[in-house]
Protein backbone atom coordinates (compact mmCIF):
# COMPACT_ATOMS: atom_id res chain seq x y z
CA MET A 1 88.75 48.15 103.74
CA GLY A 2 91.53 45.88 102.44
CA ASN A 3 94.30 44.69 104.76
CA ALA A 4 96.90 46.82 102.99
CA GLU A 5 94.73 49.94 103.35
CA LYS A 6 94.10 49.12 107.02
CA LYS A 7 97.85 48.92 107.64
CA LYS A 8 98.59 52.17 105.78
CA LEU A 9 95.85 54.09 107.62
CA SER A 10 97.07 52.75 110.96
CA MET A 11 100.59 53.95 110.14
CA LEU A 12 99.20 57.36 109.17
CA TYR A 13 97.39 57.72 112.52
CA ASN A 14 100.56 56.64 114.36
CA PHE A 15 102.58 59.24 112.44
CA ALA A 16 100.03 61.94 113.27
CA ALA A 17 100.18 61.01 116.96
CA LYS A 18 103.99 60.99 117.14
CA LYS A 19 104.85 63.91 114.88
CA LEU A 20 101.80 66.17 114.69
CA GLY A 21 100.35 66.02 118.17
CA TYR A 22 97.22 64.08 117.21
CA GLU A 23 95.52 62.88 120.39
CA GLY A 24 92.59 60.90 119.00
CA GLY A 25 92.28 57.16 118.66
CA ASN A 26 93.42 54.92 115.83
CA PRO A 27 90.20 53.49 114.34
CA ALA A 28 92.12 51.61 111.64
CA ARG A 29 93.67 49.44 114.33
CA SER A 30 90.21 48.28 115.40
CA ALA A 31 89.07 47.32 111.90
CA ASP A 32 88.77 43.57 111.30
CA ARG A 33 91.32 41.97 109.00
CA LEU A 34 89.95 40.37 105.87
CA LYS A 35 90.62 36.73 105.11
CA GLU A 36 93.32 36.51 102.47
CA ASN A 37 93.67 34.03 99.66
CA LYS A 38 97.19 32.72 100.28
CA ALA A 39 97.22 30.95 96.93
CA GLY A 40 96.97 34.32 95.16
CA TYR A 41 95.78 34.48 91.57
CA HIS A 42 93.87 31.51 90.26
CA THR A 43 96.06 29.12 88.24
CA TRP A 44 94.38 28.26 84.96
CA THR A 45 93.49 24.61 84.50
CA GLU A 46 94.09 22.78 81.24
CA ALA A 47 90.32 22.64 80.72
CA GLU A 48 90.04 26.42 81.09
CA ILE A 49 92.89 26.98 78.65
CA GLN A 50 91.21 24.77 76.05
CA ARG A 51 87.83 26.42 76.62
CA PHE A 52 89.36 29.85 76.04
CA LEU A 53 91.11 28.70 72.85
CA ALA A 54 87.89 27.11 71.61
CA ARG A 55 86.04 30.41 72.12
CA HIS A 56 88.75 32.60 70.63
CA GLY A 57 89.88 31.09 67.35
CA GLY A 58 92.94 31.50 65.19
CA GLY A 59 93.80 35.05 64.21
CA SER A 60 92.11 36.59 67.25
CA LYS A 61 93.90 39.02 69.54
CA ALA A 62 92.63 37.15 72.58
CA ARG A 63 94.16 33.89 71.40
CA LEU A 64 97.53 35.54 70.79
CA ALA A 65 97.46 37.14 74.25
CA LEU A 66 96.83 33.81 75.96
CA LEU A 67 99.43 31.90 73.94
CA LEU A 68 102.12 34.52 74.57
CA ALA A 69 101.49 34.66 78.32
CA LEU A 70 101.22 30.89 78.68
CA ASN A 71 104.22 29.93 76.55
CA THR A 72 106.65 32.72 77.44
CA GLY A 73 105.63 33.60 81.01
CA ILE A 74 105.62 37.28 80.09
CA ALA A 75 103.93 39.48 82.69
CA ARG A 76 100.99 41.77 81.88
CA GLN A 77 103.12 44.91 82.15
CA ASP A 78 105.63 43.59 79.62
CA LEU A 79 103.03 41.97 77.38
CA CYS A 80 101.49 45.38 76.68
CA GLY A 81 104.71 46.55 75.00
CA ALA A 82 105.74 43.22 73.48
CA GLY A 83 106.39 43.28 69.76
CA ARG A 84 108.58 42.32 66.86
CA HIS A 85 111.54 44.19 68.35
CA MET A 86 111.78 41.37 70.91
CA LEU A 87 112.09 38.65 68.28
CA SER A 88 115.22 37.16 66.74
CA LEU A 89 116.12 34.11 64.70
CA ARG A 90 118.94 32.07 66.17
CA ASN A 91 120.16 28.80 64.66
CA GLY A 92 116.88 28.56 62.80
CA GLN A 93 114.83 29.01 65.98
CA LEU A 94 112.52 31.98 66.61
CA ARG A 95 113.18 33.47 70.05
CA ILE A 96 111.77 36.27 72.19
CA ALA A 97 114.00 38.28 74.53
CA TYR A 98 113.13 41.10 76.92
CA ALA A 99 113.95 42.51 80.35
CA ARG A 100 111.08 42.25 82.77
CA GLY A 101 109.88 45.68 83.85
CA LYS A 102 109.28 44.70 87.49
CA THR A 103 112.57 42.94 88.18
CA GLY A 104 114.91 43.99 85.37
CA VAL A 105 115.74 40.31 84.88
CA GLY A 106 116.26 39.30 81.27
CA ALA A 107 114.34 36.49 79.62
CA ASP A 108 115.41 34.74 76.41
CA LEU A 109 112.99 32.03 75.37
CA PRO A 110 112.00 30.04 72.29
CA VAL A 111 108.71 30.96 70.64
CA PHE A 112 106.64 27.80 70.34
CA PRO A 113 104.69 26.95 67.15
CA GLU A 114 101.22 28.01 68.38
CA PRO A 115 102.09 31.64 69.27
CA ALA A 116 104.46 31.80 66.27
CA ILE A 117 101.54 31.03 63.95
CA GLU A 118 99.47 33.84 65.50
CA ILE A 119 102.36 36.32 65.30
CA ASP A 120 102.94 35.42 61.66
CA ALA A 121 99.27 36.16 60.92
CA LEU A 122 99.60 39.78 62.12
CA PRO A 123 99.88 42.54 59.49
CA ALA A 124 103.51 43.09 58.51
CA GLU A 125 103.32 46.75 59.54
CA GLN A 126 102.09 45.93 63.06
CA ARG A 127 105.13 46.19 65.31
CA ILE A 128 103.36 45.72 68.67
CA PHE A 129 101.65 42.35 69.09
CA LEU A 130 98.57 43.49 71.01
CA THR A 131 97.19 46.89 70.01
CA LYS A 132 93.97 48.73 70.65
CA SER A 133 91.27 47.96 68.11
CA GLY A 134 91.61 50.02 64.95
CA SER A 135 95.00 51.49 65.85
CA GLN A 136 98.69 50.72 66.26
CA GLU A 137 98.62 52.03 69.82
CA PRO A 138 99.56 49.65 72.65
CA TYR A 139 97.31 49.16 75.66
CA LYS A 140 97.87 50.74 79.02
CA VAL A 141 98.35 48.04 81.63
CA THR A 142 95.01 48.56 83.40
CA SER A 143 92.95 48.85 80.21
CA PHE A 144 94.60 45.72 78.84
CA GLY A 145 93.72 43.84 82.02
CA ASN A 146 90.10 44.93 81.70
CA TRP A 147 90.02 43.95 78.03
CA PHE A 148 91.45 40.50 78.76
CA LYS A 149 89.05 40.01 81.65
CA ASP A 150 86.15 40.56 79.23
CA ARG A 151 87.60 37.95 76.85
CA CYS A 152 87.84 35.51 79.76
CA ALA A 153 84.19 36.14 80.62
CA GLU A 154 83.22 35.36 77.03
CA ALA A 155 84.90 31.98 77.41
CA ASP A 156 83.36 31.39 80.85
CA VAL A 157 86.79 31.40 82.47
CA HIS A 158 87.72 33.15 85.70
CA GLY A 159 91.29 33.93 84.77
CA SER A 160 94.05 36.51 84.47
CA ILE A 161 97.40 36.94 82.71
CA HIS A 162 99.19 36.24 85.98
CA GLY A 163 97.18 33.04 86.33
CA LEU A 164 98.47 31.99 82.90
CA ARG A 165 102.05 32.56 84.05
CA LYS A 166 101.31 30.27 86.98
CA ALA A 167 99.80 27.68 84.64
CA GLY A 168 102.91 27.79 82.46
CA ALA A 169 105.18 27.37 85.48
CA THR A 170 103.03 24.47 86.63
CA ARG A 171 103.34 22.81 83.22
CA LEU A 172 107.11 23.17 83.36
CA ALA A 173 107.34 21.74 86.88
CA GLU A 174 105.16 18.76 86.00
CA ALA A 175 107.33 18.14 82.93
CA GLY A 176 110.39 17.93 85.18
CA ALA A 177 111.89 21.41 84.66
CA THR A 178 114.42 22.58 87.22
CA GLU A 179 113.88 25.52 89.55
CA ASN A 180 116.36 27.58 87.56
CA GLU A 181 114.51 26.83 84.32
CA ILE A 182 111.20 27.89 85.86
CA ALA A 183 112.77 31.05 87.31
CA SER A 184 114.10 31.90 83.84
CA TYR A 185 110.64 31.41 82.37
CA LEU A 186 109.14 33.75 84.99
CA ALA A 187 112.08 36.23 84.79
CA HIS A 188 112.50 36.09 88.56
CA THR A 189 115.59 37.21 90.45
CA ASP A 190 115.85 33.93 92.37
CA THR A 191 114.30 30.45 92.58
CA SER A 192 112.16 30.95 95.70
CA GLN A 193 108.88 31.05 93.75
CA ALA A 194 110.03 28.37 91.32
CA SER A 195 110.64 26.02 94.24
CA ILE A 196 106.94 26.21 95.12
CA TYR A 197 106.00 24.82 91.71
CA THR A 198 108.58 22.05 91.77
CA ALA A 199 107.65 21.05 95.32
CA ARG A 200 103.97 20.91 94.39
CA ALA A 201 104.71 18.82 91.29
CA ASN A 202 106.93 16.47 93.30
CA ARG A 203 104.22 16.00 95.94
CA SER A 204 101.73 15.10 93.23
CA LYS A 205 104.12 12.61 91.62
CA LEU A 206 104.96 11.04 94.97
CA ALA A 207 101.28 10.69 95.82
CA ASP A 208 100.58 8.96 92.50
CA SER A 209 103.59 6.69 92.98
CA ARG A 210 102.51 5.66 96.47
CA LEU A 211 98.95 5.00 95.36
CA GLU A 212 100.17 2.90 92.44
CA LYS A 213 102.30 0.83 94.81
CA LEU A 214 99.21 0.23 96.94
CA GLY A 215 97.21 -0.72 93.86
CA ILE A 216 94.71 2.05 94.47
CA LEU A 217 95.14 3.51 90.99
CA SER A 218 94.59 0.17 89.25
CA ASN A 219 91.22 -0.76 87.76
CA PHE A 220 88.42 -1.21 90.27
CA PRO A 221 86.90 -4.68 90.57
CA GLN A 222 83.48 -5.13 89.04
CA LYS A 223 81.74 -5.27 92.42
CA SER A 224 82.98 -1.74 93.21
CA ASP A 225 81.16 -0.19 90.26
CA ARG A 226 78.14 0.55 92.42
CA TYR A 227 80.07 3.29 94.20
CA TRP A 228 80.21 5.32 91.00
CA ASP A 229 76.50 5.15 90.09
């Protein structure tokens, strides 16, 4: 039983006791809580991204899916319906604009060269970027998630679309992007989540800076080489 299910069942028993005259116990309350992963979805590493791209070459649907999610921050729900209707050319720059289904927040972002190349390789008549094999029909959200999970397994990567969004936000934070810029990338209503990425990036930079000042990140003396045998 997951923690959410435990809570819902407990509320149901409480409702039955208060409103329906139920006189039995509440077994859901006695169920042990499961340990939760507070970090949430796994954030893709740069090595995992490169391994996936090496497995799924140019012109593949899997490669396009990864590049879109990583470079635009588009969520799985919105990626399923993403297509040419979201694109526009402004001042010579290709852009993608959409309103996120979950939040209603609009996103208006440049399309970087790598995903642009993959989009350009699609058949001219294909209006939706990611369609079911042999058709012009878009994926349902769940079936798309299962399909992408299989592509990850082929590349020996334990990843998800949401994890790619987190990787993209991490890249932005490490490159010095502001919280507002990261929130725009994620199409969030506020900067609360974005602040997590910037704080993490700042901690990493501060740690490196302090270690450099101490000389710990400089080259090891020859006599220390034995520690790395």
